[in-house]
Amino acid sequence: MAGELHILEHPNKKKYPRQSIFVIQVEDYVVLVPFVKEEDKIFLKTIIPSRKATKFYLKGDDKNVRND
Protein backbone atom coordinates (compact mmCIF):
# COMPACT_ATOMS: atom_id res chain seq x y z
CA MET A 1 0.00 0.00 0.00
CA ALA A 2 1.22 3.50 -0.78
CA GLY A 3 -0.21 6.98 -0.61
CA GLU A 4 -0.06 10.49 0.74
CA LEU A 5 -0.72 10.72 4.47
CA HIS A 6 -0.19 14.41 5.18
CA ILE A 7 1.32 17.67 3.93
CA LEU A 8 3.45 19.66 6.40
CA GLU A 9 4.94 23.12 6.28
CA HIS A 10 8.73 22.99 6.30
CA PRO A 11 9.88 23.48 9.92
CA ASN A 12 12.65 25.90 8.85
CA LYS A 13 10.67 28.56 6.94
CA LYS A 14 13.55 31.02 7.22
CA LYS A 15 15.97 28.82 5.28
CA TYR A 16 13.35 27.11 3.05
CA PRO A 17 10.57 29.70 2.63
CA ARG A 18 8.72 28.06 -0.28
CA GLN A 19 9.05 24.40 0.72
CA SER A 20 6.48 22.04 2.14
CA ILE A 21 6.82 18.34 2.92
CA PHE A 22 4.75 15.41 1.66
CA VAL A 23 4.39 12.59 4.18
CA ILE A 24 4.00 9.45 2.06
CA GLN A 25 3.45 5.82 2.95
CA VAL A 26 5.42 3.34 0.83
CA GLU A 27 4.40 -0.18 1.80
CA ASP A 28 5.01 -0.39 5.57
CA TYR A 29 7.28 2.67 5.88
CA VAL A 30 6.84 6.46 5.83
CA VAL A 31 9.05 8.79 3.81
CA LEU A 32 9.26 12.59 3.88
CA VAL A 33 9.49 14.37 0.53
CA PRO A 34 10.32 18.10 0.61
CA PHE A 35 8.84 19.90 -2.39
CA VAL A 36 8.37 23.31 -3.98
CA LYS A 37 5.06 24.04 -5.70
CA GLU A 38 5.21 26.41 -8.64
CA GLU A 39 2.41 27.64 -10.90
CA ASP A 40 2.00 24.51 -13.01
CA LYS A 41 4.34 21.94 -11.45
CA ILE A 42 5.65 20.44 -8.24
CA PHE A 43 9.42 19.96 -7.83
CA LEU A 44 10.32 17.10 -5.48
CA LYS A 45 13.64 17.77 -3.72
CA THR A 46 14.57 14.38 -2.23
CA ILE A 47 13.16 11.37 -0.36
CA ILE A 48 13.95 10.94 3.33
CA PRO A 49 13.03 7.64 5.05
CA SER A 50 11.76 8.43 8.56
CA ARG A 51 11.53 5.99 11.47
CA LYS A 52 9.96 8.72 13.61
CA ALA A 53 7.22 9.44 11.05
CA THR A 54 6.63 5.71 10.50
CA LYS A 55 6.16 5.21 14.22
CA PHE A 56 3.81 8.20 14.46
CA TYR A 57 1.66 7.71 11.36
CA LEU A 58 1.52 3.91 11.11
CA LYS A 59 1.91 2.71 14.66
CA GLY A 60 -0.06 5.41 16.49
CA ASP A 61 2.71 6.82 18.71
CA ASP A 62 1.19 9.82 20.54
CA LYS A 63 4.54 11.00 21.93
CA ASN A 64 5.56 12.66 18.66
CA VAL A 65 3.47 15.63 17.61
CA ARG A 66 2.83 16.48 13.98
CA ASN A 67 4.31 19.77 12.77
CA ASP A 68 1.19 21.44 11.33
C-alpha atoms as a PDB file:
ATOM      1  CA  MET A   1       0.000   0.000   0.000  1.00  0.00           C
ATOM      2  CA  ALA A   2       1.217   3.502  -0.780  1.00  0.00           C
ATOM      3  CA  GLY A   3      -0.214   6.981  -0.610  1.00  0.00           C
ATOM      4  CA  GLU A   4      -0.059  10.491   0.738  1.00  0.00           C
ATOM      5  CA  LEU A   5      -0.720  10.723   4.469  1.00  0.00           C
ATOM      6  CA  HIS A   6      -0.185  14.408   5.178  1.00  0.00           C
ATOM      7  CA  ILE A   7       1.321  17.672   3.926  1.00  0.00           C
ATOM      8  CA  LEU A   8       3.445  19.658   6.398  1.00  0.00           C
ATOM      9  CA  GLU A   9       4.941  23.116   6.278  1.00  0.00           C
ATOM     10  CA  HIS A  10       8.728  22.991   6.304  1.00  0.00           C
ATOM     11  CA  PRO A  11       9.876  23.481   9.921  1.00  0.00           C
ATOM     12  CA  ASN A  12      12.650  25.895   8.847  1.00  0.00           C
ATOM     13  CA  LYS A  13      10.672  28.555   6.938  1.00  0.00           C
ATOM     14  CA  LYS A  14      13.550  31.024   7.224  1.00  0.00           C
ATOM     15  CA  LYS A  15      15.965  28.816   5.276  1.00  0.00           C
ATOM     16  CA  TYR A  16      13.347  27.110   3.045  1.00  0.00           C
ATOM     17  CA  PRO A  17      10.570  29.702   2.630  1.00  0.00           C
ATOM     18  CA  ARG A  18       8.718  28.061  -0.283  1.00  0.00           C
ATOM     19  CA  GLN A  19       9.051  24.395   0.723  1.00  0.00           C
ATOM     20  CA  SER A  20       6.483  22.041   2.141  1.00  0.00           C
ATOM     21  CA  ILE A  21       6.821  18.336   2.920  1.00  0.00           C
ATOM     22  CA  PHE A  22       4.750  15.414   1.661  1.00  0.00           C
ATOM     23  CA  VAL A  23       4.390  12.589   4.179  1.00  0.00           C
ATOM     24  CA  ILE A  24       4.001   9.454   2.057  1.00  0.00           C
ATOM     25  CA  GLN A  25       3.452   5.818   2.949  1.00  0.00           C
ATOM     26  CA  VAL A  26       5.424   3.345   0.826  1.00  0.00           C
ATOM     27  CA  GLU A  27       4.400  -0.182   1.803  1.00  0.00           C
ATOM     28  CA  ASP A  28       5.012  -0.392   5.573  1.00  0.00           C
ATOM     29  CA  TYR A  29       7.276   2.667   5.881  1.00  0.00           C
ATOM     30  CA  VAL A  30       6.836   6.457   5.830  1.00  0.00           C
ATOM     31  CA  VAL A  31       9.053   8.791   3.811  1.00  0.00           C
ATOM     32  CA  LEU A  32       9.258  12.589   3.882  1.00  0.00           C
ATOM     33  CA  VAL A  33       9.487  14.369   0.531  1.00  0.00           C
ATOM     34  CA  PRO A  34      10.321  18.095   0.605  1.00  0.00           C
ATOM     35  CA  PHE A  35       8.838  19.902  -2.392  1.00  0.00           C
ATOM     36  CA  VAL A  36       8.368  23.310  -3.982  1.00  0.00           C
ATOM     37  CA  LYS A  37       5.060  24.042  -5.695  1.00  0.00           C
ATOM     38  CA  GLU A  38       5.208  26.414  -8.642  1.00  0.00           C
ATOM     39  CA  GLU A  39       2.412  27.640 -10.900  1.00  0.00           C
ATOM     40  CA  ASP A  40       2.000  24.506 -13.013  1.00  0.00           C
ATOM     41  CA  LYS A  41       4.339  21.944 -11.452  1.00  0.00           C
ATOM     42  CA  ILE A  42       5.655  20.442  -8.236  1.00  0.00           C
ATOM     43  CA  PHE A  43       9.419  19.956  -7.832  1.00  0.00           C
ATOM     44  CA  LEU A  44      10.322  17.098  -5.481  1.00  0.00           C
ATOM     45  CA  LYS A  45      13.639  17.771  -3.722  1.00  0.00           C
ATOM     46  CA  THR A  46      14.570  14.379  -2.227  1.00  0.00           C
ATOM     47  CA  ILE A  47      13.157  11.373  -0.362  1.00  0.00           C
ATOM     48  CA  ILE A  48      13.952  10.938   3.330  1.00  0.00           C
ATOM     49  CA  PRO A  49      13.025   7.641   5.049  1.00  0.00           C
ATOM     50  CA  SER A  50      11.755   8.431   8.558  1.00  0.00           C
ATOM     51  CA  ARG A  51      11.532   5.993  11.473  1.00  0.00           C
ATOM     52  CA  LYS A  52       9.963   8.720  13.612  1.00  0.00           C
ATOM     53  CA  ALA A  53       7.219   9.438  11.048  1.00  0.00           C
ATOM     54  CA  THR A  54       6.629   5.706  10.504  1.00  0.00           C
ATOM     55  CA  LYS A  55       6.161   5.206  14.223  1.00  0.00           C
ATOM     56  CA  PHE A  56       3.814   8.203  14.463  1.00  0.00           C
ATOM     57  CA  TYR A  57       1.658   7.711  11.359  1.00  0.00           C
ATOM     58  CA  LEU A  58       1.525   3.914  11.109  1.00  0.00           C
ATOM     59  CA  LYS A  59       1.913   2.706  14.663  1.00  0.00           C
ATOM     60  CA  GLY A  60      -0.055   5.411  16.489  1.00  0.00           C
ATOM     61  CA  ASP A  61       2.711   6.824  18.711  1.00  0.00           C
ATOM     62  CA  ASP A  62       1.186   9.820  20.537  1.00  0.00           C
ATOM     63  CA  LYS A  63       4.545  10.998  21.934  1.00  0.00           C
ATOM     64  CA  ASN A  64       5.559  12.656  18.658  1.00  0.00           C
ATOM     65  CA  VAL A  65       3.475  15.631  17.612  1.00  0.00           C
ATOM     66  CA  ARG A  66       2.828  16.485  13.983  1.00  0.00           C
ATOM     67  CA  ASN A  67       4.309  19.769  12.774  1.00  0.00           C
ATOM     68  CA  ASP A  68       1.186  21.435  11.328  1.00  0.00           C
END
